[in-house]
Amino acid sequence: MAEASRTGHDTPFAATFRRGLERLVNKDTAGWVSMFAEDGAMEFPFAPPGYPERLEGRAAIAEYMRGYPDIVDLASFHVEAFHQTVNPDVVIVEFSTSGRAIPTNRPYTMRYVGVITMRGGEIVNYRDYWNPLVAAAALGGAEAMVSAFAQEAR
């Protein structure tokens, strides 16, 4: 159990985050979004041109996630590590998902690093580091990926 404690796998945040990922596998995007504070934000530092770089507020995050089950069918996730930081409100999460891209039926396997800031048990900022090249390959190209997640297109 010492290893779990050292990597943060046994913290209340870890349990909450795992439930959130299970919700995404179960296509419950509202459940995922419920982890965010009303004024929470989601950032995509590696966003390609045309892809949202920052979503402000739970409503914007909900809108972004609304069509997710029609884009990616997640079958599983695996959390590699939770890293506590010197700031007790910030956690770094390494995890991966696998499934398929619905528009192309191609495999979707992605590794993520999330830098998550909490306040009062809710996410106030989630910096989502992922590889857009992997997503583009699964979804049929960069333009297809950007248009799949473009809020204006929905």
Protein backbone atom coordinates (compact mmCIF):
# COMPACT_ATOMS: atom_id res chain seq x y z
CA MET A 1 0.00 0.00 0.00
CA ALA A 2 2.98 2.33 0.40
CA GLU A 3 3.29 2.59 -3.37
CA ALA A 4 -0.36 3.58 -3.69
CA SER A 5 0.08 6.29 -1.08
CA ARG A 6 3.26 7.58 -2.69
CA THR A 7 1.62 7.95 -6.09
CA GLY A 8 -1.70 9.22 -4.78
CA HIS A 9 -3.82 6.28 -5.98
CA ASP A 10 -5.68 6.10 -2.67
CA THR A 11 -6.72 9.74 -2.31
CA PRO A 12 -10.32 11.00 -2.43
CA PHE A 13 -9.44 12.80 -5.68
CA ALA A 14 -8.18 9.55 -7.23
CA ALA A 15 -11.48 7.81 -6.47
CA THR A 16 -13.47 10.73 -7.87
CA PHE A 17 -11.35 10.91 -11.02
CA ARG A 18 -11.68 7.17 -11.67
CA ARG A 19 -15.48 7.46 -11.31
CA GLY A 20 -15.37 10.31 -13.81
CA LEU A 21 -13.48 8.18 -16.32
CA GLU A 22 -15.95 5.33 -15.78
CA ARG A 23 -18.73 7.79 -16.59
CA LEU A 24 -17.05 8.60 -19.90
CA VAL A 25 -16.77 4.89 -20.71
CA ASN A 26 -20.50 4.63 -19.90
CA LYS A 27 -21.24 7.65 -22.13
CA ASP A 28 -22.36 9.73 -19.14
CA THR A 29 -20.80 13.03 -20.15
CA ALA A 30 -23.04 14.93 -17.73
CA GLY A 31 -21.52 12.90 -14.91
CA TRP A 32 -18.01 13.78 -16.12
CA VAL A 33 -18.87 17.46 -16.36
CA SER A 34 -20.41 17.42 -12.87
CA MET A 35 -16.87 17.14 -11.45
CA PHE A 36 -16.20 20.73 -12.61
CA ALA A 37 -16.96 23.87 -10.63
CA GLU A 38 -19.52 26.22 -12.17
CA ASP A 39 -16.62 28.54 -13.09
CA GLY A 40 -14.23 25.68 -13.96
CA ALA A 41 -12.11 25.70 -17.08
CA MET A 42 -10.61 23.12 -19.40
CA GLU A 43 -7.46 23.89 -21.39
CA PHE A 44 -5.87 22.10 -24.34
CA PRO A 45 -2.25 23.34 -24.56
CA PHE A 46 -1.51 21.21 -27.64
CA ALA A 47 -4.69 22.14 -29.51
CA PRO A 48 -4.22 22.27 -33.28
CA PRO A 49 -5.42 25.31 -35.25
CA GLY A 50 -9.20 25.58 -35.16
CA TYR A 51 -9.55 23.38 -32.06
CA PRO A 52 -10.73 25.03 -28.84
CA GLU A 53 -7.79 26.02 -26.65
CA ARG A 54 -9.80 26.87 -23.54
CA LEU A 55 -13.34 26.27 -22.35
CA GLU A 56 -14.62 28.66 -19.69
CA GLY A 57 -17.32 27.48 -17.29
CA ARG A 58 -19.17 24.22 -16.69
CA ALA A 59 -21.74 25.08 -19.38
CA ALA A 60 -19.03 25.45 -22.06
CA ILE A 61 -17.42 22.19 -20.97
CA ALA A 62 -20.81 20.46 -21.10
CA GLU A 63 -21.39 21.79 -24.62
CA TYR A 64 -17.95 20.58 -25.71
CA MET A 65 -18.60 17.12 -24.25
CA ARG A 66 -22.19 16.86 -25.51
CA GLY A 67 -21.30 15.04 -28.73
CA TYR A 68 -18.36 13.06 -27.32
CA PRO A 69 -20.22 9.70 -27.28
CA ASP A 70 -20.92 10.16 -31.02
CA ILE A 71 -17.22 10.77 -31.74
CA VAL A 72 -15.31 8.36 -29.52
CA ASP A 73 -16.56 5.09 -28.05
CA LEU A 74 -14.31 4.50 -25.05
CA ALA A 75 -13.99 0.88 -24.00
CA SER A 76 -11.54 1.23 -21.12
CA PHE A 77 -9.14 3.43 -19.26
CA HIS A 78 -6.02 2.85 -17.23
CA VAL A 79 -4.60 5.26 -14.67
CA GLU A 80 -0.82 4.96 -14.54
CA ALA A 81 -0.19 7.48 -11.75
CA PHE A 82 -1.52 10.30 -9.64
CA HIS A 83 1.22 12.73 -8.65
CA GLN A 84 0.74 15.00 -5.67
CA THR A 85 2.40 18.39 -6.02
CA VAL A 86 3.71 20.92 -3.53
CA ASN A 87 0.38 22.72 -3.98
CA PRO A 88 -2.20 20.49 -2.24
CA ASP A 89 -4.90 21.68 -4.67
CA VAL A 90 -3.02 20.50 -7.79
CA VAL A 91 -2.79 16.88 -8.94
CA ILE A 92 -1.08 15.51 -12.05
CA VAL A 93 -2.71 12.43 -13.56
CA GLU A 94 -1.20 10.09 -16.16
CA PHE A 95 -3.78 7.86 -17.84
CA SER A 96 -4.70 6.19 -21.10
CA THR A 97 -7.89 5.24 -22.85
CA SER A 98 -8.76 2.83 -25.60
CA GLY A 99 -11.78 2.42 -27.79
CA ARG A 100 -12.73 3.36 -31.32
CA ALA A 101 -13.42 6.48 -33.32
CA ILE A 102 -17.04 6.21 -34.35
CA PRO A 103 -16.85 8.15 -37.65
CA THR A 104 -14.08 5.90 -39.01
CA ASN A 105 -14.38 2.77 -36.84
CA ARG A 106 -10.61 3.03 -36.33
CA PRO A 107 -8.98 2.18 -33.00
CA TYR A 108 -8.63 5.09 -30.60
CA THR A 109 -5.83 4.69 -28.09
CA MET A 110 -4.64 7.83 -26.35
CA ARG A 111 -2.28 8.66 -23.49
CA TYR A 112 -3.01 11.76 -21.44
CA VAL A 113 -1.41 13.89 -18.78
CA GLY A 114 -3.84 16.06 -16.87
CA VAL A 115 -2.82 18.90 -14.58
CA ILE A 116 -5.86 19.42 -12.40
CA THR A 117 -6.55 22.17 -9.89
CA MET A 118 -9.25 21.51 -7.30
CA ARG A 119 -11.28 23.80 -5.05
CA GLY A 120 -13.83 22.49 -2.57
CA GLY A 121 -13.89 19.03 -4.16
CA GLU A 122 -14.51 20.35 -7.69
CA ILE A 123 -12.21 20.83 -10.67
CA VAL A 124 -11.51 24.53 -11.29
CA ASN A 125 -8.92 23.99 -14.01
CA TYR A 126 -8.03 20.96 -16.09
CA ARG A 127 -5.07 21.23 -18.46
CA ASP A 128 -5.45 18.28 -20.82
CA TYR A 129 -2.21 17.21 -22.55
CA TRP A 130 -2.88 14.75 -25.36
CA ASN A 131 -1.54 14.05 -28.84
CA PRO A 132 -3.76 15.57 -31.53
CA LEU A 133 -1.91 13.57 -34.20
CA VAL A 134 -3.18 10.32 -32.67
CA ALA A 135 -6.74 11.69 -32.51
CA ALA A 136 -6.51 12.97 -36.09
CA ALA A 137 -5.34 9.59 -37.36
CA ALA A 138 -8.23 7.84 -35.61
CA LEU A 139 -10.85 10.36 -36.75
CA GLY A 140 -9.78 10.59 -40.40
CA GLY A 141 -7.48 13.61 -40.43
CA ALA A 142 -6.93 16.92 -38.68
CA GLU A 143 -9.88 18.66 -40.33
CA ALA A 144 -12.23 15.83 -39.33
CA MET A 145 -10.97 15.98 -35.75
CA VAL A 146 -11.36 19.75 -35.49
CA SER A 147 -14.82 19.71 -37.01
CA ALA A 148 -15.93 16.83 -34.75
CA PHE A 149 -15.19 18.94 -31.67
CA ALA A 150 -16.05 22.36 -33.08
CA GLN A 151 -18.90 23.69 -30.95
CA GLU A 152 -20.26 25.78 -33.79
CA ALA A 153 -20.75 22.66 -35.94
CA ARG A 154 -23.11 21.01 -33.46
